[in-house]
Amino acid sequence: MHLDTSIRSNPQADALLQKERALHDVLRDCGSVVIGFSGGVDSAYLAKAALDALGPECVLAVTGRSASYPEVQHEMALEVARSIGLPHLEIETRELEDPNYAANPTDRCYYCKKELYGQLADIADARNATVIDGSNADDLDDHRPGMTAARERGVRSPLQEAGLSKDDIRSLSRLADLPTWDLPASPCLASRVAYGIEVTPRRLRQIEEAESRLRELRGWRELRVRYHGGLVRLEVAPDDLTSLVDGALRARVVGALEEAGFSSGCVDLAGYRRGALNEKAVSAPRPVAGSATEGAAARLARIGVEAVVETAGRAKDVALIRVDEPFAGELLGRRREKAVEAVRAAGFRSGRLASATLRLRSSDESCGSSWRSTRARKSEPGSTLQRVRSGGPATRFAGCRPATSTLRSSSWAMCQKSRFRRCRPPLMRRPLASNRST
């Protein structure tokens, strides 16, 4: 691939051309190559560059298939291979059978790449070829345990060696008319499972189904459904969080999560950011004092948001913010940034929103709603559920008799009678007798 002569006078284009030449030199030095090919931005461009530098007879792209590989990515890999005439082979990888991988430690990617590169090395040996991957220069600044497996197997990273960043690769891919040039990042599905929680095929299928359904709803460019055991966390780009101010869309989001098999969820108020799963992996957890929840609630009250704040996450350093439905739009809209500042100032690493905490019910239960804060909830069946308003008296909400198998629903939850349907938000009642003036 060569840059068009009409843009060669541009200094930025000249720099890209120099990096492209350096990349072709690296590829020629490799001779025949076997490429770890996922069909993403990096590996697609690397495959095209290898074809240009070496010719198809010296190039073989290999895609490892497993439950952690998204189907949408597989379809893109096939499309790219067809469009550029890329020799392509698919193999089955068995990283999920490795207990070290399934246990989901912070270096999980090492065990995945170890499995993949082991198979690629066997293929390369038979062809007298070099295994190469799509790691780029930006990856050197991220938590990438898979790079250790690459070094152990002698895998080369031509994009890194040529100093190509992700932005460089997108620009060169666009000039090469690759359909991947503007694709969002698409790491494996296991990257959505919080470290320490077992990776299973069923959980990966649930995550993939949830993300697929959510993309059909809105077409969010950046989207992740993060699995945290009893809770899933939805991440969309910060600029897209305002779309969730729409109550009707939030209801459809809940429905999509329910249909994928999830029962409890929240929205990350900081929005999607690259490497969010690794934020704790590369630094020690921040200790959160027991009074931090009250401090966060007080700070939220000062910006006009009434909320109950609970701790979440394995390190208890995440603020789970529970609010009535009217405040959900406020937190996802004009008060979002102030809310994130408030919980961080109270000592939390991040904040997540769970609005109108309604509950899933079996078909023989009456439908209703209630706050589910641990401090405010009483354990006796049929007891009145309460919460404490910041700066105000305790108030009573319409309650329901708890069931032994009750599950918390997703944000803006659904109630089930014979089929799922929306519940009304909790109605504020008059102050409790103990708080009325006598």
Protein backbone atom coordinates (compact mmCIF):
# COMPACT_ATOMS: atom_id res chain seq x y z
CA MET A 1 0.00 0.00 0.00
CA HIS A 2 1.34 3.42 -0.97
CA LEU A 3 0.15 6.88 -0.04
CA ASP A 4 -1.45 8.96 -2.76
CA THR A 5 0.96 11.49 -4.35
CA SER A 6 -1.53 14.31 -3.75
CA ILE A 7 -0.97 14.14 0.02
CA ARG A 8 2.75 13.39 0.14
CA SER A 9 3.61 17.06 0.64
CA ASN A 10 1.77 16.98 3.97
CA PRO A 11 4.37 16.57 6.79
CA GLN A 12 2.06 14.24 8.70
CA ALA A 13 1.59 12.10 5.60
CA ASP A 14 5.36 12.07 5.05
CA ALA A 15 5.85 10.71 8.58
CA LEU A 16 3.26 8.00 7.92
CA LEU A 17 4.97 7.08 4.68
CA GLN A 18 8.27 6.68 6.50
CA LYS A 19 6.64 4.41 9.08
CA GLU A 20 5.03 2.39 6.31
CA ARG A 21 8.40 1.88 4.70
CA ALA A 22 9.89 0.86 8.03
CA LEU A 23 7.05 -1.64 8.49
CA HIS A 24 7.66 -3.17 5.06
CA ASP A 25 11.36 -3.49 5.92
CA VAL A 26 10.50 -5.34 9.13
CA LEU A 27 8.17 -7.67 7.25
CA ARG A 28 10.79 -8.43 4.59
CA ASP A 29 13.21 -9.23 7.39
CA CYS A 30 10.69 -11.75 8.74
CA GLY A 31 10.46 -13.51 5.39
CA SER A 32 7.39 -15.77 5.27
CA VAL A 33 4.92 -14.89 8.05
CA VAL A 34 2.07 -16.43 10.01
CA ILE A 35 -0.18 -13.68 11.39
CA GLY A 36 -2.34 -13.89 14.49
CA PHE A 37 -5.43 -12.49 12.77
CA SER A 38 -8.49 -11.36 14.74
CA GLY A 39 -9.95 -9.10 12.06
CA GLY A 40 -9.54 -5.98 14.18
CA VAL A 41 -7.97 -2.67 13.19
CA ASP A 42 -4.37 -3.69 13.88
CA SER A 43 -4.25 -7.23 12.51
CA ALA A 44 -6.23 -6.27 9.39
CA TYR A 45 -3.78 -3.52 8.51
CA LEU A 46 -0.80 -5.75 9.32
CA ALA A 47 -2.18 -8.43 6.99
CA LYS A 48 -2.62 -5.91 4.17
CA ALA A 49 0.90 -4.57 4.67
CA ALA A 50 2.30 -8.12 4.66
CA LEU A 51 0.56 -8.86 1.36
CA ASP A 52 2.02 -5.69 -0.13
CA ALA A 53 5.52 -6.36 1.14
CA LEU A 54 5.76 -10.14 0.69
CA GLY A 55 2.99 -11.34 -1.61
CA PRO A 56 0.24 -13.86 -0.80
CA GLU A 57 2.51 -16.89 -1.17
CA CYS A 58 4.49 -15.79 1.91
CA VAL A 59 1.52 -14.82 4.10
CA LEU A 60 -0.92 -16.90 6.13
CA ALA A 61 -3.42 -15.29 8.50
CA VAL A 62 -4.66 -17.56 11.28
CA THR A 63 -7.74 -16.88 13.39
CA GLY A 64 -8.19 -18.66 16.72
CA ARG A 65 -11.82 -19.50 17.43
CA SER A 66 -13.22 -20.02 20.92
CA ALA A 67 -16.13 -18.89 23.10
CA SER A 68 -14.20 -15.74 24.00
CA TYR A 69 -13.98 -14.58 20.36
CA PRO A 70 -16.95 -12.36 19.41
CA GLU A 71 -18.96 -13.50 16.41
CA VAL A 72 -19.15 -9.95 15.06
CA GLN A 73 -15.35 -9.91 15.01
CA HIS A 74 -15.27 -13.26 13.23
CA GLU A 75 -17.54 -11.93 10.52
CA MET A 76 -15.27 -8.91 10.04
CA ALA A 77 -12.21 -11.17 9.80
CA LEU A 78 -13.86 -13.17 7.02
CA GLU A 79 -14.87 -9.98 5.18
CA VAL A 80 -11.36 -8.53 5.33
CA ALA A 81 -9.76 -11.78 4.17
CA ARG A 82 -12.11 -11.96 1.18
CA SER A 83 -11.72 -8.30 0.24
CA ILE A 84 -7.90 -8.26 0.13
CA GLY A 85 -7.26 -11.81 -1.09
CA LEU A 86 -5.69 -12.94 2.18
CA PRO A 87 -4.80 -16.62 2.67
CA HIS A 88 -6.75 -17.45 5.81
CA LEU A 89 -6.94 -20.39 8.21
CA GLU A 90 -9.19 -20.91 11.25
CA ILE A 91 -8.17 -23.03 14.23
CA GLU A 92 -9.83 -23.95 17.51
CA THR A 93 -8.13 -22.71 20.66
CA ARG A 94 -8.80 -24.28 24.06
CA GLU A 95 -7.80 -21.63 26.56
CA LEU A 96 -11.05 -22.15 28.49
CA GLU A 97 -9.88 -25.68 29.32
CA ASP A 98 -6.85 -24.23 31.09
CA PRO A 99 -7.74 -23.74 34.80
CA ASN A 100 -5.18 -20.92 34.99
CA TYR A 101 -7.10 -19.01 32.33
CA ALA A 102 -10.58 -19.89 33.61
CA ALA A 103 -9.70 -18.64 37.10
CA ASN A 104 -9.37 -15.20 35.52
CA PRO A 105 -6.28 -13.77 37.24
CA THR A 106 -4.93 -10.37 36.24
CA ASP A 107 -2.55 -12.10 33.82
CA ARG A 108 -5.34 -14.11 32.17
CA CYS A 109 -4.28 -12.87 28.72
CA TYR A 110 -0.93 -14.59 29.16
CA TYR A 111 -2.58 -18.02 29.22
CA CYS A 112 -4.78 -17.19 26.24
CA LYS A 113 -1.84 -16.02 24.12
CA LYS A 114 0.28 -18.94 25.28
CA GLU A 115 -2.34 -21.30 23.84
CA LEU A 116 -2.69 -19.32 20.60
CA TYR A 117 1.02 -18.75 19.97
CA GLY A 118 1.77 -22.39 20.72
CA GLN A 119 -0.49 -23.45 17.85
CA LEU A 120 0.76 -20.66 15.57
CA ALA A 121 4.36 -21.71 16.22
CA ASP A 122 3.61 -25.25 15.07
CA ILE A 123 2.03 -23.90 11.86
CA ALA A 124 4.96 -21.52 11.29
CA ASP A 125 7.54 -24.27 11.81
CA ALA A 126 5.91 -26.34 9.07
CA ARG A 127 6.13 -23.34 6.70
CA ASN A 128 9.58 -22.14 7.82
CA ALA A 129 7.86 -18.86 8.73
CA THR A 130 7.87 -16.26 11.51
CA VAL A 131 4.87 -15.70 13.80
CA ILE A 132 3.85 -12.03 13.96
CA ASP A 133 1.09 -10.23 15.85
CA GLY A 134 -0.76 -6.90 15.66
CA SER A 135 0.54 -5.26 18.85
CA ASN A 136 1.14 -1.55 18.23
CA ALA A 137 3.27 1.13 19.87
CA ASP A 138 0.42 2.27 22.16
CA ASP A 139 0.21 -1.19 23.73
CA LEU A 140 3.57 -0.64 25.40
CA ASP A 141 1.84 1.77 27.80
CA ASP A 142 -0.98 -0.64 28.77
CA HIS A 143 -1.27 -3.76 30.94
CA ARG A 144 -0.60 -6.49 28.35
CA PRO A 145 0.36 -9.86 29.89
CA GLY A 146 -0.03 -11.45 26.46
CA MET A 147 3.14 -9.71 25.33
CA THR A 148 5.08 -11.91 27.77
CA ALA A 149 3.76 -15.02 26.01
CA ALA A 150 4.74 -13.47 22.68
CA ARG A 151 8.32 -12.91 23.81
CA GLU A 152 8.55 -16.47 25.15
CA ARG A 153 7.53 -17.83 21.74
CA GLY A 154 9.69 -15.46 19.70
CA VAL A 155 6.65 -13.71 18.20
CA ARG A 156 7.52 -10.44 16.48
CA SER A 157 5.38 -7.30 16.52
CA PRO A 158 6.16 -5.40 13.28
CA LEU A 159 3.75 -2.53 14.03
CA GLN A 160 5.57 -1.86 17.30
CA GLU A 161 8.98 -2.20 15.68
CA ALA A 162 7.99 0.41 13.09
CA GLY A 163 6.65 2.77 15.80
CA LEU A 164 3.07 2.75 14.53
CA SER A 165 0.41 4.00 16.95
CA LYS A 166 -3.30 3.17 16.80
CA ASP A 167 -4.03 6.53 15.15
CA ASP A 168 -1.30 5.88 12.56
CA ILE A 169 -2.80 2.47 11.80
CA ARG A 170 -6.29 3.93 11.39
CA SER A 171 -4.98 6.57 8.99
CA LEU A 172 -3.06 4.06 6.90
CA SER A 173 -6.00 1.64 6.94
CA ARG A 174 -8.28 4.38 5.62
CA LEU A 175 -5.87 5.15 2.80
CA ALA A 176 -5.80 1.43 1.99
CA ASP A 177 -9.64 1.34 1.89
CA LEU A 178 -9.82 -1.25 4.64
CA PRO A 179 -13.29 -1.57 6.19
CA THR A 180 -11.69 -1.78 9.63
CA TRP A 181 -10.14 1.70 9.65
CA ASP A 182 -12.83 3.21 11.90
CA LEU A 183 -13.85 0.14 13.89
CA PRO A 184 -13.94 0.59 17.68
CA ALA A 185 -11.61 -1.56 19.74
CA SER A 186 -12.99 -5.08 20.18
CA PRO A 187 -11.03 -7.16 22.70
CA CYS A 188 -12.07 -10.68 23.61
CA LEU A 189 -15.26 -11.26 25.58
CA ALA A 190 -13.32 -12.49 28.60
CA SER A 191 -12.04 -8.94 29.06
CA ARG A 192 -15.56 -8.03 30.23
CA VAL A 193 -15.37 -10.40 33.22
CA ALA A 194 -13.94 -8.80 36.35
CA TYR A 195 -10.69 -10.34 37.51
CA GLY A 196 -11.12 -13.17 40.00
CA ILE A 197 -14.52 -14.25 38.65
CA GLU A 198 -14.41 -17.51 36.71
CA VAL A 199 -14.62 -17.25 32.93
CA THR A 200 -17.18 -19.74 31.59
CA PRO A 201 -18.69 -20.25 28.11
CA ARG A 202 -22.16 -19.46 29.48
CA ARG A 203 -21.10 -16.11 30.90
CA LEU A 204 -19.33 -15.20 27.67
CA ARG A 205 -22.46 -16.04 25.67
CA GLN A 206 -24.57 -13.87 27.99
CA ILE A 207 -22.22 -10.92 27.60
CA GLU A 208 -22.12 -11.27 23.82
CA GLU A 209 -25.90 -11.51 23.60
CA ALA A 210 -26.39 -8.47 25.85
CA GLU A 211 -23.99 -6.32 23.81
CA SER A 212 -25.59 -7.45 20.57
CA ARG A 213 -29.08 -6.54 21.79
CA LEU A 214 -27.91 -3.16 23.09
CA ARG A 215 -26.23 -2.28 19.79
CA GLU A 216 -29.49 -3.04 18.01
CA LEU A 217 -31.24 -0.57 20.32
CA ARG A 218 -28.98 2.39 19.81
CA GLY A 219 -25.90 1.60 17.76
CA TRP A 220 -23.51 2.87 20.44
CA ARG A 221 -19.99 2.95 19.01
CA GLU A 222 -18.24 2.27 22.31
CA LEU A 223 -20.09 -0.29 24.44
CA ARG A 224 -19.11 -2.77 27.11
CA VAL A 225 -21.18 -5.01 29.38
CA ARG A 226 -18.87 -5.77 32.31
CA TYR A 227 -19.65 -8.83 34.44
CA HIS A 228 -19.13 -8.48 38.20
CA GLY A 229 -20.80 -11.63 39.47
CA GLY A 230 -24.19 -10.56 40.83
CA LEU A 231 -24.01 -7.26 38.95
CA VAL A 232 -23.36 -6.16 35.37
CA ARG A 233 -21.96 -2.73 34.57
CA LEU A 234 -22.87 -0.92 31.38
CA GLU A 235 -20.26 1.35 29.83
CA VAL A 236 -20.93 3.66 26.90
CA ALA A 237 -18.88 6.61 25.68
CA PRO A 238 -19.19 9.66 27.98
CA ASP A 239 -20.86 11.66 25.21
CA ASP A 240 -23.46 8.89 24.80
CA LEU A 241 -24.48 8.78 28.46
CA THR A 242 -26.92 11.64 27.86
CA SER A 243 -28.93 9.36 25.57
CA LEU A 244 -29.87 7.36 28.67
CA VAL A 245 -31.69 10.40 30.07
CA ASP A 246 -34.56 9.12 27.93
CA GLY A 247 -36.62 6.92 30.27
CA ALA A 248 -38.06 4.92 27.38
CA LEU A 249 -34.58 3.99 26.18
CA ARG A 250 -33.55 3.02 29.69
CA ALA A 251 -36.54 0.68 29.89
CA ARG A 252 -35.45 -0.97 26.63
CA VAL A 253 -31.91 -1.30 27.95
CA VAL A 254 -33.27 -3.11 31.00
CA GLY A 255 -35.28 -5.41 28.75
CA ALA A 256 -32.19 -6.23 26.68
CA LEU A 257 -30.19 -7.11 29.80
CA GLU A 258 -33.05 -9.22 31.16
CA GLU A 259 -33.38 -11.11 27.87
CA ALA A 260 -29.67 -11.88 27.99
CA GLY A 261 -30.20 -13.46 31.42
CA PHE A 262 -28.91 -10.75 33.74
CA SER A 263 -30.81 -9.72 36.86
CA SER A 264 -28.90 -6.77 38.28
CA GLY A 265 -27.09 -3.91 36.61
CA CYS A 266 -25.77 -0.39 36.79
CA VAL A 267 -24.29 2.32 34.57
CA ASP A 268 -20.72 3.54 34.95
CA LEU A 269 -20.98 7.32 35.38
CA ALA A 270 -17.43 7.84 34.12
CA GLY A 271 -18.36 6.21 30.81
CA TYR A 272 -16.31 3.91 28.63
CA ARG A 273 -12.53 4.35 28.70
CA ARG A 274 -9.78 2.19 27.31
CA GLY A 275 -8.28 -0.20 29.84
CA ALA A 276 -11.01 0.29 32.47
CA LEU A 277 -10.68 -3.33 33.61
CA ASN A 278 -7.00 -2.77 34.30
CA GLU A 279 -7.44 0.32 36.47
CA LYS A 280 -7.08 -1.79 39.63
CA ALA A 281 -4.74 -4.36 38.14
CA VAL A 282 -1.90 -1.87 37.77
CA SER A 283 -2.32 -0.06 41.08
CA ALA A 284 -3.19 -0.93 44.67
CA PRO A 285 -6.87 -0.59 45.64
CA ARG A 286 -7.79 2.59 47.47
CA PRO A 287 -9.03 1.90 50.99
CA VAL A 288 -12.49 3.28 51.62
CA ALA A 289 -13.52 4.18 55.15
CA GLY A 290 -16.86 3.03 56.51
CA SER A 291 -18.12 6.60 56.65
CA ALA A 292 -17.39 7.13 52.95
CA THR A 293 -20.90 6.11 51.91
CA GLU A 294 -22.46 8.77 54.15
CA GLY A 295 -19.89 11.28 52.91
CA ALA A 296 -20.68 10.50 49.29
CA ALA A 297 -24.43 10.75 49.93
CA ALA A 298 -23.92 14.12 51.64
CA ARG A 299 -21.83 15.41 48.75
CA LEU A 300 -24.45 14.24 46.26
CA ALA A 301 -27.14 15.99 48.30
CA ARG A 302 -25.16 19.23 47.99
CA ILE A 303 -25.50 19.06 44.21
CA GLY A 304 -29.22 18.34 44.51
CA VAL A 305 -29.27 14.54 44.19
CA GLU A 306 -30.93 12.44 46.90
CA ALA A 307 -29.33 9.02 46.95
CA VAL A 308 -28.40 6.00 48.99
CA VAL A 309 -24.76 5.06 48.44
CA GLU A 310 -23.46 1.52 48.92
CA THR A 311 -20.02 0.05 48.38
CA ALA A 312 -19.42 -2.29 45.45
CA GLY A 313 -16.48 -4.09 43.90
CA ARG A 314 -14.19 -6.65 45.48
CA ALA A 315 -12.12 -3.91 47.09
CA LYS A 316 -15.25 -2.02 48.16
CA ASP A 317 -13.86 1.07 46.43
CA VAL A 318 -16.75 1.69 44.05
CA ALA A 319 -19.79 3.78 44.96
CA LEU A 320 -23.09 2.20 43.90
CA ILE A 321 -25.53 5.11 43.78
CA ARG A 322 -29.21 4.27 44.18
CA VAL A 323 -31.67 6.99 43.26
CA ASP A 324 -35.35 7.43 42.46
CA GLU A 325 -36.22 7.51 38.76
CA PRO A 326 -36.41 11.34 38.45
CA PHE A 327 -32.81 11.65 39.61
CA ALA A 328 -31.53 9.05 37.11
CA GLY A 329 -31.85 11.49 34.23
CA GLU A 330 -30.13 14.18 36.28
CA LEU A 331 -27.15 11.95 37.04
CA LEU A 332 -26.81 10.85 33.42
CA GLY A 333 -27.17 14.41 32.18
CA ARG A 334 -26.05 17.74 33.50
CA ARG A 335 -25.00 16.53 36.96
CA ARG A 336 -22.95 13.52 35.88
CA GLU A 337 -19.49 15.08 36.10
CA LYS A 338 -20.24 16.67 39.48
CA ALA A 339 -21.52 13.32 40.77
CA VAL A 340 -18.31 11.57 39.69
CA GLU A 341 -16.29 14.28 41.47
CA ALA A 342 -18.44 13.87 44.58
CA VAL A 343 -17.87 10.13 44.99
CA ARG A 344 -14.17 10.42 44.24
CA ALA A 345 -13.82 13.20 46.81
CA ALA A 346 -15.41 10.82 49.34
CA GLY A 347 -12.65 8.27 48.66
CA PHE A 348 -14.19 6.03 46.00
CA ARG A 349 -12.44 5.06 42.79
CA SER A 350 -15.55 5.42 40.64
CA GLY A 351 -19.33 5.73 40.75
CA ARG A 352 -22.06 3.60 39.23
CA LEU A 353 -25.73 4.38 38.93
CA ALA A 354 -28.57 2.00 39.79
CA SER A 355 -31.88 3.86 39.65
CA ALA A 356 -35.24 2.97 41.18
CA THR A 357 -34.14 -0.33 42.65
CA LEU A 358 -37.22 -2.39 41.94
CA ARG A 359 -37.23 -6.17 42.23
CA LEU A 360 -37.94 -9.18 40.06
CA ARG A 361 -40.90 -11.13 41.42
CA SER A 362 -42.37 -14.54 40.85
CA SER A 363 -45.75 -14.77 39.13
CA ASP A 364 -47.73 -15.20 42.38
CA GLU A 365 -46.43 -11.99 43.99
CA SER A 366 -48.01 -8.58 43.85
CA CYS A 367 -46.13 -5.93 41.95
CA GLY A 368 -44.63 -2.98 43.78
CA SER A 369 -41.43 -1.16 44.48
CA SER A 370 -39.16 -0.23 47.30
CA TRP A 371 -35.75 1.04 48.23
CA ARG A 372 -33.30 -1.78 48.98
CA SER A 373 -30.57 -0.08 50.96
CA THR A 374 -28.99 -2.42 53.50
CA ARG A 375 -29.17 0.12 56.28
CA ALA A 376 -32.80 1.01 55.62
CA ARG A 377 -34.12 -2.53 55.02
CA LYS A 378 -35.65 -4.53 57.87
CA SER A 379 -35.39 -8.29 57.77
CA GLU A 380 -38.89 -9.26 58.95
CA PRO A 381 -41.29 -10.35 56.17
CA GLY A 382 -43.80 -7.62 55.45
CA SER A 383 -41.90 -4.91 57.31
CA THR A 384 -42.04 -1.32 56.12
CA LEU A 385 -39.05 -0.41 53.96
CA GLN A 386 -37.52 2.97 54.67
CA ARG A 387 -34.64 5.17 53.75
CA VAL A 388 -33.12 8.28 55.24
CA ARG A 389 -33.22 11.35 53.06
CA SER A 390 -30.11 13.51 53.17
CA GLY A 391 -30.92 16.45 55.43
CA GLY A 392 -34.55 15.45 55.93
CA PRO A 393 -36.84 13.13 57.89
CA ALA A 394 -37.26 9.45 57.22
CA THR A 395 -39.96 8.75 54.67
CA ARG A 396 -42.07 5.71 53.84
CA PHE A 397 -42.49 4.28 50.36
CA ALA A 398 -45.00 1.83 48.97
CA GLY A 399 -43.58 -1.56 49.96
CA CYS A 400 -43.96 -5.19 48.98
CA ARG A 401 -43.71 -8.37 51.00
CA PRO A 402 -40.23 -9.75 50.31
CA ALA A 403 -39.86 -13.21 48.81
CA THR A 404 -37.10 -15.60 49.79
CA SER A 405 -35.99 -15.91 46.15
CA THR A 406 -36.15 -12.21 45.37
CA LEU A 407 -33.43 -10.90 43.04
CA ARG A 408 -32.49 -7.32 42.51
CA SER A 409 -33.23 -6.19 39.01
CA SER A 410 -31.17 -4.15 36.63
CA SER A 411 -31.16 -0.39 36.87
CA TRP A 412 -34.67 0.85 36.20
CA ALA A 413 -35.75 -2.70 36.94
CA MET A 414 -38.65 -4.76 35.72
CA CYS A 415 -41.30 -6.61 37.69
CA GLN A 416 -42.60 -9.95 36.54
CA LYS A 417 -46.17 -11.12 36.89
CA SER A 418 -46.98 -13.39 34.00
CA ARG A 419 -44.60 -11.41 31.77
CA PHE A 420 -42.13 -8.61 32.43
CA ARG A 421 -43.69 -5.17 32.61
CA ARG A 422 -42.74 -1.78 33.91
CA CYS A 423 -43.52 -0.82 37.49
CA ARG A 424 -44.36 2.64 38.64
CA PRO A 425 -41.57 4.45 40.50
CA PRO A 426 -41.90 4.49 44.28
CA LEU A 427 -44.42 6.97 45.67
CA MET A 428 -43.38 9.20 48.53
CA ARG A 429 -45.64 8.88 51.54
CA ARG A 430 -46.11 11.18 54.47
CA PRO A 431 -43.34 11.31 57.12
CA LEU A 432 -43.24 8.51 59.68
CA ALA A 433 -45.09 9.14 62.92
CA SER A 434 -41.83 9.19 64.86
CA ASN A 435 -40.69 12.17 62.83
CA ARG A 436 -43.89 14.24 62.98
CA SER A 437 -44.19 17.08 65.38
CA THR A 438 -46.36 16.25 68.42
